[in-house]
Amino acid sequence: MAVSILLRRGQTISFAESVTGGMFSDLWHGEADVGRVLRGTVVVSGDESVWSILCISEIFLGNFGHCSREVAIAMADGIRKLLNSDFSIAIAAKDCSDRAVYLSIRTPTREIVQRIDLSHATANRELMRERACYAACKIFLQVLFEEPL
């Protein structure tokens, strides 16, 4: 659904993921024509050199931590600039030990940041990643419908 809306609007999107490891991008690849709106995805890991792709320094990560509002914002800004997209979505967390991730969405007109509480999820890491991805999809659809043309 989101792909068809972005196509009609002539807009693009990009993703930056950490703990979800590309799962969020994979969900989108199930939709037809995704290649016409998705500029790309960067999956960052514990290797600090990878973070430099998004212009996020080790010092910044050290000050705020991988699972923080600030890092999610920096990831969304970094991928949006890197791939010159209209929208960007970042899911930030180094691991799921605190049962939460931060989601940052950049639109042409605003920035939305939400903490996604996964405390209801089991200790199963895969299930937690899936729930984070589906929550991000749901939040993005709401944001997309609210975004002015």
C-alpha atoms as a PDB file:
ATOM      1  CA  MET A   1       0.000   0.000   0.000  1.00  0.00           C
ATOM      2  CA  ALA A   2       2.738   2.495   0.936  1.00  0.00           C
ATOM      3  CA  VAL A   3       4.588   1.838  -2.318  1.00  0.00           C
ATOM      4  CA  SER A   4       1.541   2.695  -4.429  1.00  0.00           C
ATOM      5  CA  ILE A   5       0.972   5.896  -2.431  1.00  0.00           C
ATOM      6  CA  LEU A   6       4.590   6.964  -2.871  1.00  0.00           C
ATOM      7  CA  LEU A   7       4.406   6.138  -6.589  1.00  0.00           C
ATOM      8  CA  ARG A   8       1.284   8.287  -7.038  1.00  0.00           C
ATOM      9  CA  ARG A   9       2.991  11.144  -5.223  1.00  0.00           C
ATOM     10  CA  GLY A  10       6.270  10.732  -7.117  1.00  0.00           C
ATOM     11  CA  GLN A  11       8.179  10.368  -3.841  1.00  0.00           C
ATOM     12  CA  THR A  12      11.002   8.135  -2.672  1.00  0.00           C
ATOM     13  CA  ILE A  13      12.047   6.465   0.564  1.00  0.00           C
ATOM     14  CA  SER A  14      15.186   5.040   2.158  1.00  0.00           C
ATOM     15  CA  PHE A  15      15.899   2.964   5.267  1.00  0.00           C
ATOM     16  CA  ALA A  16      18.596   2.692   7.918  1.00  0.00           C
ATOM     17  CA  GLU A  17      18.409  -0.360  10.163  1.00  0.00           C
ATOM     18  CA  SER A  18      20.457  -1.739  12.997  1.00  0.00           C
ATOM     19  CA  VAL A  19      18.848  -4.432  15.143  1.00  0.00           C
ATOM     20  CA  THR A  20      16.325  -5.395  12.444  1.00  0.00           C
ATOM     21  CA  GLY A  21      19.211  -6.306  10.138  1.00  0.00           C
ATOM     22  CA  GLY A  22      17.447  -5.607   6.842  1.00  0.00           C
ATOM     23  CA  MET A  23      14.175  -7.264   7.824  1.00  0.00           C
ATOM     24  CA  PHE A  24      12.266  -3.992   7.450  1.00  0.00           C
ATOM     25  CA  SER A  25      13.565  -3.508   3.918  1.00  0.00           C
ATOM     26  CA  ASP A  26      12.715  -7.117   3.140  1.00  0.00           C
ATOM     27  CA  LEU A  27       9.068  -6.511   4.087  1.00  0.00           C
ATOM     28  CA  TRP A  28       8.880  -3.770   1.494  1.00  0.00           C
ATOM     29  CA  HIS A  29      10.397  -5.933  -1.218  1.00  0.00           C
ATOM     30  CA  GLY A  30       7.217  -8.014  -1.245  1.00  0.00           C
ATOM     31  CA  GLU A  31       5.354  -5.155  -2.933  1.00  0.00           C
ATOM     32  CA  ALA A  32       5.354  -4.662  -6.674  1.00  0.00           C
ATOM     33  CA  ASP A  33       7.260  -1.640  -8.002  1.00  0.00           C
ATOM     34  CA  VAL A  34       9.204  -1.151  -4.764  1.00  0.00           C
ATOM     35  CA  GLY A  35      12.328  -0.483  -6.822  1.00  0.00           C
ATOM     36  CA  ARG A  36      10.698   2.621  -8.219  1.00  0.00           C
ATOM     37  CA  VAL A  37      10.386   4.269  -4.787  1.00  0.00           C
ATOM     38  CA  LEU A  38      12.995   2.640  -2.522  1.00  0.00           C
ATOM     39  CA  ARG A  39      16.351   4.360  -2.970  1.00  0.00           C
ATOM     40  CA  GLY A  40      18.165   1.876  -0.733  1.00  0.00           C
ATOM     41  CA  THR A  41      18.849   0.533   2.705  1.00  0.00           C
ATOM     42  CA  VAL A  42      21.884   0.672   4.964  1.00  0.00           C
ATOM     43  CA  VAL A  43      22.175  -1.963   7.658  1.00  0.00           C
ATOM     44  CA  VAL A  44      24.571  -0.888  10.382  1.00  0.00           C
ATOM     45  CA  SER A  45      26.101  -3.292  12.839  1.00  0.00           C
ATOM     46  CA  GLY A  46      28.503  -3.288  15.748  1.00  0.00           C
ATOM     47  CA  ASP A  47      31.352  -2.430  13.369  1.00  0.00           C
ATOM     48  CA  GLU A  48      31.790   1.282  14.027  1.00  0.00           C
ATOM     49  CA  SER A  49      33.257   1.903  10.566  1.00  0.00           C
ATOM     50  CA  VAL A  50      29.888   1.039   9.019  1.00  0.00           C
ATOM     51  CA  TRP A  51      28.262   3.878  10.943  1.00  0.00           C
ATOM     52  CA  SER A  52      30.468   6.368   9.097  1.00  0.00           C
ATOM     53  CA  ILE A  53      28.387   5.695   5.964  1.00  0.00           C
ATOM     54  CA  LEU A  54      25.587   7.593   7.715  1.00  0.00           C
ATOM     55  CA  CYS A  55      28.028  10.238   9.056  1.00  0.00           C
ATOM     56  CA  ILE A  56      27.636   8.997  12.630  1.00  0.00           C
ATOM     57  CA  SER A  57      30.847   9.042  14.627  1.00  0.00           C
ATOM     58  CA  GLU A  58      32.041   6.681  17.335  1.00  0.00           C
ATOM     59  CA  ILE A  59      32.017   9.630  19.740  1.00  0.00           C
ATOM     60  CA  PHE A  60      28.347  10.334  18.977  1.00  0.00           C
ATOM     61  CA  LEU A  61      27.479   6.661  19.484  1.00  0.00           C
ATOM     62  CA  GLY A  62      29.484   6.629  22.701  1.00  0.00           C
ATOM     63  CA  ASN A  63      27.696   9.674  24.043  1.00  0.00           C
ATOM     64  CA  PHE A  64      24.164   8.497  23.283  1.00  0.00           C
ATOM     65  CA  GLY A  65      24.321   4.733  22.828  1.00  0.00           C
ATOM     66  CA  HIS A  66      23.137   2.686  19.873  1.00  0.00           C
ATOM     67  CA  CYS A  67      19.583   2.442  21.195  1.00  0.00           C
ATOM     68  CA  SER A  68      18.692   6.086  21.634  1.00  0.00           C
ATOM     69  CA  ARG A  69      16.426   8.741  20.261  1.00  0.00           C
ATOM     70  CA  GLU A  70      19.434  10.764  19.135  1.00  0.00           C
ATOM     71  CA  VAL A  71      20.988   7.901  17.163  1.00  0.00           C
ATOM     72  CA  ALA A  72      17.667   7.087  15.475  1.00  0.00           C
ATOM     73  CA  ILE A  73      17.361  10.719  14.366  1.00  0.00           C
ATOM     74  CA  ALA A  74      20.945  10.761  13.101  1.00  0.00           C
ATOM     75  CA  MET A  75      20.373   7.507  11.190  1.00  0.00           C
ATOM     76  CA  ALA A  76      17.217   8.843   9.498  1.00  0.00           C
ATOM     77  CA  ASP A  77      18.925  12.129   8.609  1.00  0.00           C
ATOM     78  CA  GLY A  78      22.050  10.355   7.379  1.00  0.00           C
ATOM     79  CA  ILE A  79      20.273   7.916   5.058  1.00  0.00           C
ATOM     80  CA  ARG A  80      17.946  10.599   3.708  1.00  0.00           C
ATOM     81  CA  LYS A  81      20.893  12.796   2.773  1.00  0.00           C
ATOM     82  CA  LEU A  82      23.030   9.915   1.488  1.00  0.00           C
ATOM     83  CA  LEU A  83      20.364   8.610  -0.879  1.00  0.00           C
ATOM     84  CA  ASN A  84      18.504  11.877  -1.535  1.00  0.00           C
ATOM     85  CA  SER A  85      15.079  10.487  -0.654  1.00  0.00           C
ATOM     86  CA  ASP A  86      11.862  12.273   0.284  1.00  0.00           C
ATOM     87  CA  PHE A  87      11.209  10.005   3.272  1.00  0.00           C
ATOM     88  CA  SER A  88      13.528   8.017   5.490  1.00  0.00           C
ATOM     89  CA  ILE A  89      12.928   5.495   8.215  1.00  0.00           C
ATOM     90  CA  ALA A  90      15.489   4.452  10.808  1.00  0.00           C
ATOM     91  CA  ILE A  91      15.176   1.690  13.381  1.00  0.00           C
ATOM     92  CA  ALA A  92      17.822   2.014  16.086  1.00  0.00           C
ATOM     93  CA  ALA A  93      18.955  -0.460  18.722  1.00  0.00           C
ATOM     94  CA  LYS A  94      22.178  -2.343  19.200  1.00  0.00           C
ATOM     95  CA  ASP A  95      20.353  -5.300  20.646  1.00  0.00           C
ATOM     96  CA  CYS A  96      16.962  -6.017  22.122  1.00  0.00           C
ATOM     97  CA  SER A  97      18.127  -6.370  25.723  1.00  0.00           C
ATOM     98  CA  ASP A  98      16.019  -3.451  26.945  1.00  0.00           C
ATOM     99  CA  ARG A  99      12.993  -4.605  24.941  1.00  0.00           C
ATOM    100  CA  ALA A 100      12.700  -1.351  23.004  1.00  0.00           C
ATOM    101  CA  VAL A 101      13.805   0.242  19.768  1.00  0.00           C
ATOM    102  CA  TYR A 102      13.675   3.816  18.545  1.00  0.00           C
ATOM    103  CA  LEU A 103      12.004   4.660  15.269  1.00  0.00           C
ATOM    104  CA  SER A 104      12.735   7.894  13.436  1.00  0.00           C
ATOM    105  CA  ILE A 105      10.840   8.954  10.354  1.00  0.00           C
ATOM    106  CA  ARG A 106      11.847  11.972   8.263  1.00  0.00           C
ATOM    107  CA  THR A 107       9.287  13.344   5.860  1.00  0.00           C
ATOM    108  CA  PRO A 108       9.544  16.322   3.524  1.00  0.00           C
ATOM    109  CA  THR A 109       7.942  18.462   6.255  1.00  0.00           C
ATOM    110  CA  ARG A 110       8.690  16.955   9.673  1.00  0.00           C
ATOM    111  CA  GLU A 111      10.457  14.504  11.923  1.00  0.00           C
ATOM    112  CA  ILE A 112       8.740  11.849  14.015  1.00  0.00           C
ATOM    113  CA  VAL A 113      10.526   9.855  16.703  1.00  0.00           C
ATOM    114  CA  GLN A 114       8.921   7.086  18.711  1.00  0.00           C
ATOM    115  CA  ARG A 115      10.104   4.536  21.205  1.00  0.00           C
ATOM    116  CA  ILE A 116       8.632   1.144  20.355  1.00  0.00           C
ATOM    117  CA  ASP A 117       8.134  -0.853  23.529  1.00  0.00           C
ATOM    118  CA  LEU A 118       8.700  -4.550  22.960  1.00  0.00           C
ATOM    119  CA  SER A 119       8.359  -5.612  26.590  1.00  0.00           C
ATOM    120  CA  HIS A 120       5.321  -7.682  25.618  1.00  0.00           C
ATOM    121  CA  ALA A 121       7.506  -9.755  23.284  1.00  0.00           C
ATOM    122  CA  THR A 122       9.132 -12.956  24.339  1.00  0.00           C
ATOM    123  CA  ALA A 123      12.859 -13.469  24.672  1.00  0.00           C
ATOM    124  CA  ASN A 124      12.874 -14.688  21.062  1.00  0.00           C
ATOM    125  CA  ARG A 125      15.073 -12.221  19.166  1.00  0.00           C
ATOM    126  CA  GLU A 126      13.513 -13.000  15.796  1.00  0.00           C
ATOM    127  CA  LEU A 127      10.007 -12.311  17.099  1.00  0.00           C
ATOM    128  CA  MET A 128      11.159  -9.020  18.595  1.00  0.00           C
ATOM    129  CA  ARG A 129      12.694  -7.971  15.269  1.00  0.00           C
ATOM    130  CA  GLU A 130       9.451  -8.828  13.460  1.00  0.00           C
ATOM    131  CA  ARG A 131       7.340  -6.866  15.923  1.00  0.00           C
ATOM    132  CA  ALA A 132       9.627  -3.856  15.598  1.00  0.00           C
ATOM    133  CA  CYS A 133       9.299  -3.999  11.803  1.00  0.00           C
ATOM    134  CA  TYR A 134       5.529  -4.309  11.809  1.00  0.00           C
ATOM    135  CA  ALA A 135       5.184  -1.501  14.338  1.00  0.00           C
ATOM    136  CA  ALA A 136       7.389   0.679  12.122  1.00  0.00           C
ATOM    137  CA  CYS A 137       5.208  -0.128   9.081  1.00  0.00           C
ATOM    138  CA  LYS A 138       2.051   0.767  10.955  1.00  0.00           C
ATOM    139  CA  ILE A 139       3.478   4.051  12.235  1.00  0.00           C
ATOM    140  CA  PHE A 140       4.842   4.974   8.812  1.00  0.00           C
ATOM    141  CA  LEU A 141       1.485   4.401   7.113  1.00  0.00           C
ATOM    142  CA  GLN A 142      -0.179   6.717   9.601  1.00  0.00           C
ATOM    143  CA  VAL A 143       2.519   9.353   9.025  1.00  0.00           C
ATOM    144  CA  LEU A 144       2.220   8.971   5.245  1.00  0.00           C
ATOM    145  CA  PHE A 145      -1.547   9.546   5.324  1.00  0.00           C
ATOM    146  CA  GLU A 146      -1.066  12.656   7.487  1.00  0.00           C
ATOM    147  CA  GLU A 147       1.652  14.116   5.248  1.00  0.00           C
ATOM    148  CA  PRO A 148       0.436  16.966   3.013  1.00  0.00           C
ATOM    149  CA  LEU A 149       0.821  16.497  -0.726  1.00  0.00           C
END
